[in-house]
Protein backbone atom coordinates (compact mmCIF):
# COMPACT_ATOMS: atom_id res chain seq x y z
CA UNK A 1 0.00 0.00 0.00
CA UNK A 2 1.83 3.14 -1.18
CA UNK A 3 1.55 6.20 1.04
CA UNK A 4 2.43 9.66 -0.33
CA UNK A 5 3.03 12.38 2.25
CA UNK A 6 2.95 15.92 0.90
CA UNK A 7 3.79 19.05 2.89
CA UNK A 8 2.36 22.28 1.47
CA UNK A 9 1.86 25.82 2.69
CA UNK A 10 -1.64 26.60 3.87
CA UNK A 11 -3.93 28.63 1.67
CA UNK A 12 -4.87 26.40 -1.22
CA UNK A 13 -8.53 25.89 -2.04
CA UNK A 14 -10.37 22.63 -1.42
CA UNK A 15 -10.56 22.16 -5.19
CA UNK A 16 -6.79 22.56 -5.58
CA UNK A 17 -6.20 19.98 -2.84
CA UNK A 18 -8.70 17.56 -4.38
CA UNK A 19 -6.95 17.90 -7.73
CA UNK A 20 -3.53 17.35 -6.15
CA UNK A 21 -4.72 14.22 -4.34
CA UNK A 22 -6.36 12.83 -7.49
CA UNK A 23 -3.35 13.46 -9.72
CA UNK A 24 -0.83 12.07 -7.23
CA UNK A 25 -2.99 8.98 -6.79
CA UNK A 26 -3.20 8.49 -10.56
CA UNK A 27 0.59 8.93 -10.95
CA UNK A 28 1.28 6.31 -8.28
CA UNK A 29 -1.23 3.97 -9.91
CA UNK A 30 0.37 4.41 -13.36
CA UNK A 31 3.94 3.96 -12.12
CA UNK A 32 3.40 1.07 -9.69
CA UNK A 33 0.25 -0.65 -10.90
CA UNK A 34 -1.21 -0.49 -7.38
CA UNK A 35 -5.00 -0.52 -7.21
CA UNK A 36 -6.35 3.00 -6.69
CA UNK A 37 -8.20 1.90 -3.55
CA UNK A 38 -4.92 0.90 -1.87
CA UNK A 39 -3.14 4.24 -2.43
CA UNK A 40 -3.04 6.72 0.44
CA UNK A 41 -2.26 10.43 0.05
CA UNK A 42 -1.68 12.54 3.15
CA UNK A 43 -1.59 16.33 2.89
CA UNK A 44 0.05 18.30 5.65
CA UNK A 45 -0.72 22.00 5.53
CA UNK A 46 1.96 24.06 7.21
CA UNK A 47 0.97 27.48 8.62
CA UNK A 48 2.87 30.37 7.03
CA UNK A 49 4.33 31.23 10.44
CA UNK A 50 5.92 27.75 10.64
CA UNK A 51 7.57 27.73 7.19
CA UNK A 52 10.81 29.67 6.89
CA UNK A 53 13.54 30.25 4.35
CA UNK A 54 16.77 31.95 5.28
CA UNK A 55 15.56 32.49 8.85
CA UNK A 56 12.44 34.41 7.80
CA UNK A 57 8.98 32.89 8.02
CA UNK A 58 6.65 33.07 5.06
CA UNK A 59 4.31 35.15 7.22
CA UNK A 60 7.06 37.69 7.99
CA UNK A 61 8.08 37.77 4.35
CA UNK A 62 4.53 38.60 3.28
CA UNK A 63 4.31 41.42 5.86
CA UNK A 64 7.61 42.92 4.67
CA UNK A 65 6.46 42.94 1.04
CA UNK A 66 3.08 44.56 1.69
């Protein structure tokens, strides 16, 4: 049973997340032949305040560019 774990920044719409889950599932199915029903996709949404690059959180970066 393949399990795909995906970490993304918060803020995407439900439709975008549904599309991501569907397309990742289909890619795993095509590449491994695993039945769709056995594929698990886990999305982890990270708050902007908890995602940083170069010591600056995404939240801080947005505030500085406003």
